[in-house]
Amino acid sequence: MDTTTQKTVRIDGRDIVLKATARTPRLYRQLFGRDMIQDMAKLRDAYGRKQAEDVDLSAVDLTMFENLAYTMAKQGDPSIPDSPDDWLDTFGMFSIYEIFPPMMELWRGSMATVATPKKK
């Protein structure tokens, strides 16, 4: 069974490998002191509201997105800077609306590989 899920996304003209495994929530918690599963759910809901109602995302939502993207990118390429700020400084601008859908798909895929089927 494949326990690693990864995707390559294009950010500011560069290919960035995002990776999600069973370690991802732990790494996120170590880096940011927050629960990735809760933050991913909050960000998914905020992103959905933005799509449905054309409302702006809050600074908190954007920070969660940047932290989640950094965590997955750091797993995909351990050579990226050890600071999310230093990593973000390597880009011009990039859009949550282009990067979040592949991140969410990647996260769902990694969760599917670790889920235990229930008995019928």
PDB file of N, CA and C in Angstrom:
ATOM      1  N   MET A   1       0.852  -1.175   0.000  1.00  0.00           N
ATOM      2  CA  MET A   1       0.000   0.000   0.000  1.00  0.00           C
ATOM      3  C   MET A   1       0.898   1.237   0.000  1.00  0.00           C
ATOM      4  N   ASP A   2       0.614   2.199  -0.841  1.00  0.00           N
ATOM      5  CA  ASP A   2       1.367   3.441  -0.899  1.00  0.00           C
ATOM      6  C   ASP A   2       0.934   4.337   0.254  1.00  0.00           C
ATOM      7  N   THR A   3       1.881   4.694   1.130  1.00  0.00           N
ATOM      8  CA  THR A   3       1.539   5.535   2.274  1.00  0.00           C
ATOM      9  C   THR A   3       2.010   6.971   2.083  1.00  0.00           C
ATOM     10  N   THR A   4       2.532   7.283   0.909  1.00  0.00           N
ATOM     11  CA  THR A   4       2.994   8.633   0.628  1.00  0.00           C
ATOM     12  C   THR A   4       2.221   9.187  -0.552  1.00  0.00           C
ATOM     13  N   THR A   5       1.760  10.384  -0.400  1.00  0.00           N
ATOM     14  CA  THR A   5       1.078  11.064  -1.482  1.00  0.00           C
ATOM     15  C   THR A   5       1.813  12.366  -1.723  1.00  0.00           C
ATOM     16  N   GLN A   6       2.114  12.646  -2.984  1.00  0.00           N
ATOM     17  CA  GLN A   6       2.754  13.918  -3.299  1.00  0.00           C
ATOM     18  C   GLN A   6       2.244  14.461  -4.614  1.00  0.00           C
ATOM     19  N   LYS A   7       2.380  15.765  -4.755  1.00  0.00           N
ATOM     20  CA  LYS A   7       1.931  16.479  -5.945  1.00  0.00           C
ATOM     21  C   LYS A   7       2.933  17.572  -6.244  1.00  0.00           C
ATOM     22  N   THR A   8       3.114  17.829  -7.512  1.00  0.00           N
ATOM     23  CA  THR A   8       3.937  18.964  -7.915  1.00  0.00           C
ATOM     24  C   THR A   8       3.005  20.078  -8.360  1.00  0.00           C
ATOM     25  N   VAL A   9       3.205  21.249  -7.767  1.00  0.00           N
ATOM     26  CA  VAL A   9       2.413  22.424  -8.125  1.00  0.00           C
ATOM     27  C   VAL A   9       3.374  23.491  -8.630  1.00  0.00           C
ATOM     28  N   ARG A  10       2.852  24.381  -9.433  1.00  0.00           N
ATOM     29  CA  ARG A  10       3.662  25.471  -9.973  1.00  0.00           C
ATOM     30  C   ARG A  10       3.366  26.730  -9.154  1.00  0.00           C
ATOM     31  N   ILE A  11       4.400  27.249  -8.502  1.00  0.00           N
ATOM     32  CA  ILE A  11       4.275  28.469  -7.709  1.00  0.00           C
ATOM     33  C   ILE A  11       5.298  29.465  -8.237  1.00  0.00           C
ATOM     34  N   ASP A  12       4.811  30.595  -8.687  1.00  0.00           N
ATOM     35  CA  ASP A  12       5.685  31.670  -9.163  1.00  0.00           C
ATOM     36  C   ASP A  12       6.705  31.163 -10.188  1.00  0.00           C
ATOM     37  N   GLY A  13       6.229  30.303 -11.099  1.00  0.00           N
ATOM     38  CA  GLY A  13       7.078  29.801 -12.173  1.00  0.00           C
ATOM     39  C   GLY A  13       7.997  28.654 -11.805  1.00  0.00           C
ATOM     40  N   ARG A  14       7.880  28.140 -10.568  1.00  0.00           N
ATOM     41  CA  ARG A  14       8.733  27.031 -10.131  1.00  0.00           C
ATOM     42  C   ARG A  14       7.883  25.834  -9.762  1.00  0.00           C
ATOM     43  N   ASP A  15       8.408  24.646 -10.030  1.00  0.00           N
ATOM     44  CA  ASP A  15       7.745  23.413  -9.612  1.00  0.00           C
ATOM     45  C   ASP A  15       8.095  23.145  -8.155  1.00  0.00           C
ATOM     46  N   ILE A  16       7.058  23.014  -7.330  1.00  0.00           N
ATOM     47  CA  ILE A  16       7.224  22.749  -5.899  1.00  0.00           C
ATOM     48  C   ILE A  16       6.531  21.428  -5.586  1.00  0.00           C
ATOM     49  N   VAL A  17       7.257  20.521  -4.959  1.00  0.00           N
ATOM     50  CA  VAL A  17       6.692  19.231  -4.566  1.00  0.00           C
ATOM     51  C   VAL A  17       6.051  19.378  -3.192  1.00  0.00           C
ATOM     52  N   LEU A  18       4.768  19.085  -3.130  1.00  0.00           N
ATOM     53  CA  LEU A  18       4.041  19.044  -1.860  1.00  0.00           C
ATOM     54  C   LEU A  18       3.852  17.578  -1.496  1.00  0.00           C
ATOM     55  N   LYS A  19       4.040  17.264  -0.249  1.00  0.00           N
ATOM     56  CA  LYS A  19       3.939  15.878   0.196  1.00  0.00           C
ATOM     57  C   LYS A  19       3.115  15.822   1.473  1.00  0.00           C
ATOM     58  N   ALA A  20       2.262  14.811   1.576  1.00  0.00           N
ATOM     59  CA  ALA A  20       1.467  14.600   2.788  1.00  0.00           C
ATOM     60  C   ALA A  20       1.536  13.127   3.163  1.00  0.00           C
ATOM     61  N   THR A  21       1.895  12.873   4.401  1.00  0.00           N
ATOM     62  CA  THR A  21       1.964  11.517   4.929  1.00  0.00           C
ATOM     63  C   THR A  21       1.341  11.522   6.321  1.00  0.00           C
ATOM     64  N   ALA A  22       1.405  10.396   6.982  1.00  0.00           N
ATOM     65  CA  ALA A  22       0.919  10.331   8.361  1.00  0.00           C
ATOM     66  C   ALA A  22       1.725  11.268   9.263  1.00  0.00           C
ATOM     67  N   ARG A  23       2.924  11.628   8.854  1.00  0.00           N
ATOM     68  CA  ARG A  23       3.786  12.530   9.637  1.00  0.00           C
ATOM     69  C   ARG A  23       3.371  14.000   9.506  1.00  0.00           C
ATOM     70  N   THR A  24       2.644  14.356   8.472  1.00  0.00           N
ATOM     71  CA  THR A  24       2.346  15.758   8.187  1.00  0.00           C
ATOM     72  C   THR A  24       1.687  16.481   9.362  1.00  0.00           C
ATOM     73  N   PRO A  25       0.633  15.956   9.973  1.00  0.00           N
ATOM     74  CA  PRO A  25       0.033  16.673  11.111  1.00  0.00           C
ATOM     75  C   PRO A  25       1.002  16.844  12.280  1.00  0.00           C
ATOM     76  N   ARG A  26       1.853  15.860  12.488  1.00  0.00           N
ATOM     77  CA  ARG A  26       2.844  15.939  13.572  1.00  0.00           C
ATOM     78  C   ARG A  26       3.865  17.039  13.278  1.00  0.00           C
ATOM     79  N   LEU A  27       4.361  17.080  12.047  1.00  0.00           N
ATOM     80  CA  LEU A  27       5.314  18.103  11.650  1.00  0.00           C
ATOM     81  C   LEU A  27       4.696  19.491  11.770  1.00  0.00           C
ATOM     82  N   TYR A  28       3.458  19.633  11.331  1.00  0.00           N
ATOM     83  CA  TYR A  28       2.749  20.914  11.433  1.00  0.00           C
ATOM     84  C   TYR A  28       2.646  21.349  12.896  1.00  0.00           C
ATOM     85  N   ARG A  29       2.300  20.406  13.767  1.00  0.00           N
ATOM     86  CA  ARG A  29       2.175  20.705  15.202  1.00  0.00           C
ATOM     87  C   ARG A  29       3.536  21.114  15.775  1.00  0.00           C
ATOM     88  N   GLN A  30       4.613  20.429  15.362  1.00  0.00           N
ATOM     89  CA  GLN A  30       5.952  20.768  15.843  1.00  0.00           C
ATOM     90  C   GLN A  30       6.380  22.154  15.356  1.00  0.00           C
ATOM     91  N   LEU A  31       6.070  22.464  14.113  1.00  0.00           N
ATOM     92  CA  LEU A  31       6.486  23.737  13.533  1.00  0.00           C
ATOM     93  C   LEU A  31       5.669  24.923  14.040  1.00  0.00           C
ATOM     94  N   PHE A  32       4.339  24.719  14.184  1.00  0.00           N
ATOM     95  CA  PHE A  32       3.451  25.855  14.435  1.00  0.00           C
ATOM     96  C   PHE A  32       2.644  25.752  15.728  1.00  0.00           C
ATOM     97  N   GLY A  33       2.720  24.614  16.415  1.00  0.00           N
ATOM     98  CA  GLY A  33       1.992  24.452  17.668  1.00  0.00           C
ATOM     99  C   GLY A  33       0.488  24.433  17.496  1.00  0.00           C
ATOM    100  N   ARG A  34       0.042  24.017  16.327  1.00  0.00           N
ATOM    101  CA  ARG A  34      -1.396  24.017  16.019  1.00  0.00           C
ATOM    102  C   ARG A  34      -1.801  22.655  15.486  1.00  0.00           C
ATOM    103  N   ASP A  35      -3.099  22.373  15.516  1.00  0.00           N
ATOM    104  CA  ASP A  35      -3.659  21.128  15.022  1.00  0.00           C
ATOM    105  C   ASP A  35      -3.956  21.270  13.526  1.00  0.00           C
ATOM    106  N   MET A  36      -3.238  20.530  12.700  1.00  0.00           N
ATOM    107  CA  MET A  36      -3.388  20.641  11.253  1.00  0.00           C
ATOM    108  C   MET A  36      -4.775  20.218  10.785  1.00  0.00           C
ATOM    109  N   ILE A  37      -5.320  19.203  11.382  1.00  0.00           N
ATOM    110  CA  ILE A  37      -6.630  18.706  10.945  1.00  0.00           C
ATOM    111  C   ILE A  37      -7.692  19.785  11.166  1.00  0.00           C
ATOM    112  N   GLN A  38      -7.644  20.439  12.326  1.00  0.00           N
ATOM    113  CA  GLN A  38      -8.599  21.519  12.589  1.00  0.00           C
ATOM    114  C   GLN A  38      -8.347  22.711  11.666  1.00  0.00           C
ATOM    115  N   ASP A  39      -7.080  23.061  11.475  1.00  0.00           N
ATOM    116  CA  ASP A  39      -6.764  24.199  10.606  1.00  0.00           C
ATOM    117  C   ASP A  39      -7.153  23.920   9.158  1.00  0.00           C
ATOM    118  N   MET A  40      -6.922  22.694   8.691  1.00  0.00           N
ATOM    119  CA  MET A  40      -7.299  22.346   7.317  1.00  0.00           C
ATOM    120  C   MET A  40      -8.815  22.440   7.152  1.00  0.00           C
ATOM    121  N   ALA A  41      -9.568  21.997   8.161  1.00  0.00           N
ATOM    122  CA  ALA A  41     -11.036  22.089   8.094  1.00  0.00           C
ATOM    123  C   ALA A  41     -11.488  23.548   8.082  1.00  0.00           C
ATOM    124  N   LYS A  42     -10.879  24.381   8.926  1.00  0.00           N
ATOM    125  CA  LYS A  42     -11.231  25.813   8.961  1.00  0.00           C
ATOM    126  C   LYS A  42     -10.918  26.475   7.625  1.00  0.00           C
ATOM    127  N   LEU A  43      -9.763  26.157   7.081  1.00  0.00           N
ATOM    128  CA  LEU A  43      -9.362  26.757   5.815  1.00  0.00           C
ATOM    129  C   LEU A  43     -10.250  26.273   4.669  1.00  0.00           C
ATOM    130  N   ARG A  44     -10.608  24.994   4.693  1.00  0.00           N
ATOM    131  CA  ARG A  44     -11.521  24.456   3.672  1.00  0.00           C
ATOM    132  C   ARG A  44     -12.856  25.184   3.722  1.00  0.00           C
ATOM    133  N   ASP A  45     -13.372  25.407   4.932  1.00  0.00           N
ATOM    134  CA  ASP A  45     -14.647  26.115   5.084  1.00  0.00           C
ATOM    135  C   ASP A  45     -14.537  27.566   4.623  1.00  0.00           C
ATOM    136  N   ALA A  46     -13.453  28.238   5.000  1.00  0.00           N
ATOM    137  CA  ALA A  46     -13.251  29.634   4.596  1.00  0.00           C
ATOM    138  C   ALA A  46     -13.102  29.734   3.082  1.00  0.00           C
ATOM    139  N   TYR A  47     -12.375  28.805   2.499  1.00  0.00           N
ATOM    140  CA  TYR A  47     -12.188  28.785   1.051  1.00  0.00           C
ATOM    141  C   TYR A  47     -13.532  28.555   0.356  1.00  0.00           C
ATOM    142  N   GLY A  48     -14.339  27.651   0.895  1.00  0.00           N
ATOM    143  CA  GLY A  48     -15.670  27.393   0.342  1.00  0.00           C
ATOM    144  C   GLY A  48     -16.572  28.605   0.411  1.00  0.00           C
ATOM    145  N   ARG A  49     -16.523  29.321   1.546  1.00  0.00           N
ATOM    146  CA  ARG A  49     -17.311  30.560   1.667  1.00  0.00           C
ATOM    147  C   ARG A  49     -16.842  31.596   0.656  1.00  0.00           C
ATOM    148  N   LYS A  50     -15.546  31.679   0.460  1.00  0.00           N
ATOM    149  CA  LYS A  50     -14.992  32.643  -0.495  1.00  0.00           C
ATOM    150  C   LYS A  50     -15.514  32.329  -1.883  1.00  0.00           C
ATOM    151  N   GLN A  51     -15.523  31.065  -2.247  1.00  0.00           N
ATOM    152  CA  GLN A  51     -15.988  30.653  -3.576  1.00  0.00           C
ATOM    153  C   GLN A  51     -17.484  30.926  -3.728  1.00  0.00           C
ATOM    154  N   ALA A  52     -18.264  30.668  -2.680  1.00  0.00           N
ATOM    155  CA  ALA A  52     -19.716  30.807  -2.761  1.00  0.00           C
ATOM    156  C   ALA A  52     -20.185  32.252  -2.627  1.00  0.00           C
ATOM    157  N   GLU A  53     -19.532  33.010  -1.766  1.00  0.00           N
ATOM    158  CA  GLU A  53     -20.034  34.343  -1.436  1.00  0.00           C
ATOM    159  C   GLU A  53     -19.120  35.475  -1.864  1.00  0.00           C
ATOM    160  N   ASP A  54     -17.976  35.155  -2.438  1.00  0.00           N
ATOM    161  CA  ASP A  54     -17.000  36.153  -2.856  1.00  0.00           C
ATOM    162  C   ASP A  54     -16.632  37.094  -1.711  1.00  0.00           C
ATOM    163  N   VAL A  55     -16.305  36.489  -0.552  1.00  0.00           N
ATOM    164  CA  VAL A  55     -15.837  37.264   0.598  1.00  0.00           C
ATOM    165  C   VAL A  55     -14.329  37.082   0.713  1.00  0.00           C
ATOM    166  N   ASP A  56     -13.665  38.068   1.282  1.00  0.00           N
ATOM    167  CA  ASP A  56     -12.219  37.986   1.433  1.00  0.00           C
ATOM    168  C   ASP A  56     -11.845  37.030   2.552  1.00  0.00           C
ATOM    169  N   LEU A  57     -10.741  36.341   2.371  1.00  0.00           N
ATOM    170  CA  LEU A  57     -10.212  35.500   3.432  1.00  0.00           C
ATOM    171  C   LEU A  57      -9.511  36.389   4.456  1.00  0.00           C
ATOM    172  N   SER A  58      -9.563  35.982   5.704  1.00  0.00           N
ATOM    173  CA  SER A  58      -8.931  36.767   6.766  1.00  0.00           C
ATOM    174  C   SER A  58      -7.421  36.530   6.768  1.00  0.00           C
ATOM    175  N   ALA A  59      -6.709  37.385   7.487  1.00  0.00           N
ATOM    176  CA  ALA A  59      -5.262  37.217   7.633  1.00  0.00           C
ATOM    177  C   ALA A  59      -4.951  35.892   8.327  1.00  0.00           C
ATOM    178  N   VAL A  60      -5.794  35.489   9.258  1.00  0.00           N
ATOM    179  CA  VAL A  60      -5.608  34.202   9.940  1.00  0.00           C
ATOM    180  C   VAL A  60      -5.728  33.059   8.939  1.00  0.00           C
ATOM    181  N   ASP A  61      -6.732  33.118   8.053  1.00  0.00           N
ATOM    182  CA  ASP A  61      -6.900  32.085   7.031  1.00  0.00           C
ATOM    183  C   ASP A  61      -5.679  32.017   6.124  1.00  0.00           C
ATOM    184  N   LEU A  62      -5.182  33.173   5.706  1.00  0.00           N
ATOM    185  CA  LEU A  62      -4.022  33.207   4.821  1.00  0.00           C
ATOM    186  C   LEU A  62      -2.770  32.680   5.512  1.00  0.00           C
ATOM    187  N   THR A  63      -2.622  32.991   6.792  1.00  0.00           N
ATOM    188  CA  THR A  63      -1.476  32.481   7.549  1.00  0.00           C
ATOM    189  C   THR A  63      -1.550  30.963   7.672  1.00  0.00           C
ATOM    190  N   MET A  64      -2.747  30.435   7.945  1.00  0.00           N
ATOM    191  CA  MET A  64      -2.910  28.975   8.009  1.00  0.00           C
ATOM    192  C   MET A  64      -2.534  28.353   6.667  1.00  0.00           C
ATOM    193  N   PHE A  65      -3.010  28.950   5.570  1.00  0.00           N
ATOM    194  CA  PHE A  65      -2.687  28.446   4.236  1.00  0.00           C
ATOM    195  C   PHE A  65      -1.172  28.435   4.020  1.00  0.00           C
ATOM    196  N   GLU A  66      -0.503  29.530   4.330  1.00  0.00           N
ATOM    197  CA  GLU A  66       0.949  29.611   4.139  1.00  0.00           C
ATOM    198  C   GLU A  66       1.663  28.552   4.977  1.00  0.00           C
ATOM    199  N   ASN A  67       1.221  28.365   6.225  1.00  0.00           N
ATOM    200  CA  ASN A  67       1.837  27.368   7.098  1.00  0.00           C
ATOM    201  C   ASN A  67       1.604  25.948   6.588  1.00  0.00           C
ATOM    202  N   LEU A  68       0.400  25.677   6.119  1.00  0.00           N
ATOM    203  CA  LEU A  68       0.099  24.356   5.559  1.00  0.00           C
ATOM    204  C   LEU A  68       0.915  24.104   4.294  1.00  0.00           C
ATOM    205  N   ALA A  69       0.981  25.094   3.418  1.00  0.00           N
ATOM    206  CA  ALA A  69       1.758  24.955   2.184  1.00  0.00           C
ATOM    207  C   ALA A  69       3.225  24.728   2.517  1.00  0.00           C
ATOM    208  N   TYR A  70       3.752  25.484   3.469  1.00  0.00           N
ATOM    209  CA  TYR A  70       5.150  25.330   3.862  1.00  0.00           C
ATOM    210  C   TYR A  70       5.417  23.926   4.411  1.00  0.00           C
ATOM    211  N   THR A  71       4.540  23.443   5.277  1.00  0.00           N
ATOM    212  CA  THR A  71       4.723  22.118   5.872  1.00  0.00           C
ATOM    213  C   THR A  71       4.775  21.045   4.798  1.00  0.00           C
ATOM    214  N   MET A  72       3.845  21.090   3.851  1.00  0.00           N
ATOM    215  CA  MET A  72       3.820  20.092   2.776  1.00  0.00           C
ATOM    216  C   MET A  72       5.024  20.249   1.845  1.00  0.00           C
ATOM    217  N   ALA A  73       5.443  21.481   1.598  1.00  0.00           N
ATOM    218  CA  ALA A  73       6.609  21.711   0.736  1.00  0.00           C
ATOM    219  C   ALA A  73       7.889  21.245   1.431  1.00  0.00           C
ATOM    220  N   LYS A  74       7.996  21.472   2.717  1.00  0.00           N
ATOM    221  CA  LYS A  74       9.171  21.050   3.481  1.00  0.00           C
ATOM    222  C   LYS A  74       9.286  19.535   3.478  1.00  0.00           C
ATOM    223  N   GLN A  75       8.150  18.851   3.559  1.00  0.00           N
ATOM    224  CA  GLN A  75       8.187  17.389   3.463  1.00  0.00           C
ATOM    225  C   GLN A  75       8.588  16.951   2.065  1.00  0.00           C
ATOM    226  N   GLY A  76       8.112  17.668   1.061  1.00  0.00           N
ATOM    227  CA  GLY A  76       8.426  17.309  -0.322  1.00  0.00           C
ATOM    228  C   GLY A  76       9.859  17.603  -0.714  1.00  0.00           C
ATOM    229  N   ASP A  77      10.469  18.594  -0.066  1.00  0.00           N
ATOM    230  CA  ASP A  77      11.849  18.984  -0.370  1.00  0.00           C
ATOM    231  C   ASP A  77      12.494  19.498   0.909  1.00  0.00           C
ATOM    232  N   PRO A  78      13.145  18.608   1.664  1.00  0.00           N
ATOM    233  CA  PRO A  78      13.744  19.010   2.932  1.00  0.00           C
ATOM    234  C   PRO A  78      14.824  20.099   2.803  1.00  0.00           C
ATOM    235  N   SER A  79      15.295  20.376   1.583  1.00  0.00           N
ATOM    236  CA  SER A  79      16.339  21.385   1.408  1.00  0.00           C
ATOM    237  C   SER A  79      15.804  22.821   1.405  1.00  0.00           C
ATOM    238  N   ILE A  80      14.469  22.983   1.390  1.00  0.00           N
ATOM    239  CA  ILE A  80      13.946  24.355   1.412  1.00  0.00           C
ATOM    240  C   ILE A  80      14.291  24.980   2.757  1.00  0.00           C
ATOM    241  N   PRO A  81      14.281  26.322   2.857  1.00  0.00           N
ATOM    242  CA  PRO A  81      14.671  26.983   4.112  1.00  0.00           C
ATOM    243  C   PRO A  81      13.904  26.445   5.313  1.00  0.00           C
ATOM    244  N   ASP A  82      14.559  26.496   6.464  1.00  0.00           N
ATOM    245  CA  ASP A  82      13.948  26.008   7.706  1.00  0.00           C
ATOM    246  C   ASP A  82      12.934  26.972   8.290  1.00  0.00           C
ATOM    247  N   SER A  83      12.824  28.148   7.723  1.00  0.00           N
ATOM    248  CA  SER A  83      11.855  29.130   8.189  1.00  0.00           C
ATOM    249  C   SER A  83      10.800  29.359   7.111  1.00  0.00           C
ATOM    250  N   PRO A  84       9.512  29.322   7.492  1.00  0.00           N
ATOM    251  CA  PRO A  84       8.486  29.600   6.484  1.00  0.00           C
ATOM    252  C   PRO A  84       8.618  31.006   5.900  1.00  0.00           C
ATOM    253  N   ASP A  85       9.065  31.962   6.710  1.00  0.00           N
ATOM    254  CA  ASP A  85       9.245  33.322   6.202  1.00  0.00           C
ATOM    255  C   ASP A  85      10.340  33.360   5.137  1.00  0.00           C
ATOM    256  N   ASP A  86      11.448  32.659   5.397  1.00  0.00           N
ATOM    257  CA  ASP A  86      12.530  32.613   4.414  1.00  0.00           C
ATOM    258  C   ASP A  86      12.065  31.923   3.132  1.00  0.00           C
ATOM    259  N   TRP A  87      11.248  30.867   3.280  1.00  0.00           N
ATOM    260  CA  TRP A  87      10.723  30.170   2.105  1.00  0.00           C
ATOM    261  C   TRP A  87       9.799  31.084   1.312  1.00  0.00           C
ATOM    262  N   LEU A  88       8.892  31.763   1.998  1.00  0.00           N
ATOM    263  CA  LEU A  88       7.966  32.661   1.312  1.00  0.00           C
ATOM    264  C   LEU A  88       8.702  33.796   0.616  1.00  0.00           C
ATOM    265  N   ASP A  89       9.830  34.236   1.172  1.00  0.00           N
ATOM    266  CA  ASP A  89      10.622  35.295   0.548  1.00  0.00           C
ATOM    267  C   ASP A  89      11.230  34.874  -0.789  1.00  0.00           C
ATOM    268  N   THR A  90      11.236  33.578  -1.082  1.00  0.00           N
ATOM    269  CA  THR A  90      11.801  33.118  -2.360  1.00  0.00           C
ATOM    270  C   THR A  90      10.806  33.258  -3.509  1.00  0.00           C
ATOM    271  N   PHE A  91       9.579  33.682  -3.210  1.00  0.00           N
ATOM    272  CA  PHE A  91       8.539  33.843  -4.218  1.00  0.00           C
ATOM    273  C   PHE A  91       8.160  35.306  -4.365  1.00  0.00           C
ATOM    274  N   GLY A  92       7.592  35.622  -5.540  1.00  0.00           N
ATOM    275  CA  GLY A  92       6.916  36.900  -5.692  1.00  0.00           C
ATOM    276  C   GLY A  92       5.595  36.738  -4.956  1.00  0.00           C
ATOM    277  N   MET A  93       4.518  36.614  -5.691  1.00  0.00           N
ATOM    278  CA  MET A  93       3.202  36.373  -5.104  1.00  0.00           C
ATOM    279  C   MET A  93       2.688  35.041  -5.633  1.00  0.00           C
ATOM    280  N   PHE A  94       1.839  34.385  -4.833  1.00  0.00           N
ATOM    281  CA  PHE A  94       1.118  33.235  -5.350  1.00  0.00           C
ATOM    282  C   PHE A  94      -0.263  33.194  -4.740  1.00  0.00           C
ATOM    283  N   SER A  95      -1.164  32.574  -5.464  1.00  0.00           N
ATOM    284  CA  SER A  95      -2.568  32.630  -5.115  1.00  0.00           C
ATOM    285  C   SER A  95      -3.028  31.385  -4.373  1.00  0.00           C
ATOM    286  N   ILE A  96      -3.696  31.609  -3.255  1.00  0.00           N
ATOM    287  CA  ILE A  96      -4.323  30.503  -2.527  1.00  0.00           C
ATOM    288  C   ILE A  96      -5.317  29.770  -3.425  1.00  0.00           C
ATOM    289  N   TYR A  97      -5.950  30.497  -4.322  1.00  0.00           N
ATOM    290  CA  TYR A  97      -6.993  29.910  -5.162  1.00  0.00           C
ATOM    291  C   TYR A  97      -6.431  28.938  -6.189  1.00  0.00           C
ATOM    292  N   GLU A  98      -5.149  29.044  -6.497  1.00  0.00           N
ATOM    293  CA  GLU A  98      -4.507  28.092  -7.400  1.00  0.00           C
ATOM    294  C   GLU A  98      -3.865  26.936  -6.646  1.00  0.00           C
ATOM    295  N   ILE A  99      -3.358  27.198  -5.450  1.00  0.00           N
ATOM    296  CA  ILE A  99      -2.582  26.211  -4.714  1.00  0.00           C
ATOM    297  C   ILE A  99      -3.423  25.393  -3.738  1.00  0.00           C
ATOM    298  N   PHE A 100      -4.456  25.992  -3.152  1.00  0.00           N
ATOM    299  CA  PHE A 100      -5.233  25.262  -2.145  1.00  0.00           C
ATOM    300  C   PHE A 100      -5.952  24.034  -2.693  1.00  0.00           C
ATOM    301  N   PRO A 101      -6.601  24.088  -3.873  1.00  0.00           N
ATOM    302  CA  PRO A 101      -7.269  22.866  -4.346  1.00  0.00           C
ATOM    303  C   PRO A 101      -6.334  21.658  -4.478  1.00  0.00           C
ATOM    304  N   PRO A 102      -5.134  21.794  -5.056  1.00  0.00           N
ATOM    305  CA  PRO A 102      -4.247  20.615  -5.067  1.00  0.00           C
ATOM    306  C   PRO A 102      -3.794  20.200  -3.667  1.00  0.00           C
ATOM    307  N   MET A 103      -3.621  21.171  -2.754  1.00  0.00           N
ATOM    308  CA  MET A 103      -3.260  20.823  -1.379  1.00  0.00           C
ATOM    309  C   MET A 103      -4.372  20.006  -0.723  1.00  0.00           C
ATOM    310  N   MET A 104      -5.618  20.429  -0.930  1.00  0.00           N
ATOM    311  CA  MET A 104      -6.752  19.716  -0.337  1.00  0.00           C
ATOM    312  C   MET A 104      -6.870  18.311  -0.925  1.00  0.00           C
ATOM    313  N   GLU A 105      -6.669  18.202  -2.218  1.00  0.00           N
ATOM    314  CA  GLU A 105      -6.709  16.885  -2.867  1.00  0.00           C
ATOM    315  C   GLU A 105      -5.599  15.985  -2.322  1.00  0.00           C
ATOM    316  N   LEU A 106      -4.431  16.544  -2.155  1.00  0.00           N
ATOM    317  CA  LEU A 106      -3.300  15.806  -1.600  1.00  0.00           C
ATOM    318  C   LEU A 106      -3.608  15.347  -0.180  1.00  0.00           C
ATOM    319  N   TRP A 107      -4.161  16.230   0.627  1.00  0.00           N
ATOM    320  CA  TRP A 107      -4.502  15.897   2.003  1.00  0.00           C
ATOM    321  C   TRP A 107      -5.541  14.785   2.048  1.00  0.00           C
ATOM    322  N   ARG A 108      -6.565  14.896   1.230  1.00  0.00           N
ATOM    323  CA  ARG A 108      -7.598  13.845   1.188  1.00  0.00           C
ATOM    324  C   ARG A 108      -6.985  12.512   0.765  1.00  0.00           C
ATOM    325  N   GLY A 109      -6.091  12.548  -0.202  1.00  0.00           N
ATOM    326  CA  GLY A 109      -5.429  11.322  -0.658  1.00  0.00           C
ATOM    327  C   GLY A 109      -4.592  10.684   0.422  1.00  0.00           C
ATOM    328  N   SER A 110      -3.884  11.499   1.190  1.00  0.00           N
ATOM    329  CA  SER A 110      -3.055  10.939   2.253  1.00  0.00           C
ATOM    330  C   SER A 110      -3.921  10.364   3.365  1.00  0.00           C
ATOM    331  N   MET A 111      -5.052  10.991   3.631  1.00  0.00           N
ATOM    332  CA  MET A 111      -5.957  10.480   4.657  1.00  0.00           C
ATOM    333  C   MET A 111      -6.563   9.153   4.227  1.00  0.00           C
ATOM    334  N   ALA A 112      -6.830   9.000   2.948  1.00  0.00           N
ATOM    335  CA  ALA A 112      -7.417   7.749   2.437  1.00  0.00           C
ATOM    336  C   ALA A 112      -6.448   6.589   2.586  1.00  0.00           C
ATOM    337  N   THR A 113      -5.136   6.869   2.489  1.00  0.00           N
ATOM    338  CA  THR A 113      -4.172   5.788   2.572  1.00  0.00           C
ATOM    339  C   THR A 113      -3.962   5.311   3.996  1.00  0.00           C
ATOM    340  N   VAL A 114      -4.317   6.123   4.993  1.00  0.00           N
ATOM    341  CA  VAL A 114      -4.130   5.707   6.378  1.00  0.00           C
ATOM    342  C   VAL A 114      -5.433   5.325   7.068  1.00  0.00           C
ATOM    343  N   ALA A 115      -6.553   5.520   6.388  1.00  0.00           N
ATOM    344  CA  ALA A 115      -7.846   5.177   6.984  1.00  0.00           C
ATOM    345  C   ALA A 115      -8.010   3.667   7.043  1.00  0.00           C
ATOM    346  N   THR A 116      -8.540   3.187   8.163  1.00  0.00           N
ATOM    347  CA  THR A 116      -8.795   1.772   8.336  1.00  0.00           C
ATOM    348  C   THR A 116     -10.223   1.460   7.911  1.00  0.00           C
ATOM    349  N   PRO A 117     -10.406   0.508   6.966  1.00  0.00           N
ATOM    350  CA  PRO A 117     -11.770   0.189   6.550  1.00  0.00           C
ATOM    351  C   PRO A 117     -12.581  -0.380   7.733  1.00  0.00           C
ATOM    352  N   LYS A 118     -13.840  -0.001   7.795  1.00  0.00           N
ATOM    353  CA  LYS A 118     -14.711  -0.503   8.851  1.00  0.00           C
ATOM    354  C   LYS A 118     -15.323  -1.819   8.408  1.00  0.00           C
ATOM    355  N   LYS A 119     -15.516  -2.712   9.385  1.00  0.00           N
ATOM    356  CA  LYS A 119     -16.166  -3.999   9.095  1.00  0.00           C
ATOM    357  C   LYS A 119     -17.624  -3.772   8.800  1.00  0.00           C
ATOM    358  N   LYS A 120     -18.158  -4.584   7.895  1.00  0.00           N
ATOM    359  CA  LYS A 120     -19.587  -4.481   7.559  1.00  0.00           C
ATOM    360  C   LYS A 120     -20.376  -5.434   8.403  1.00  0.00           C
TER     361      LYS A 120
END
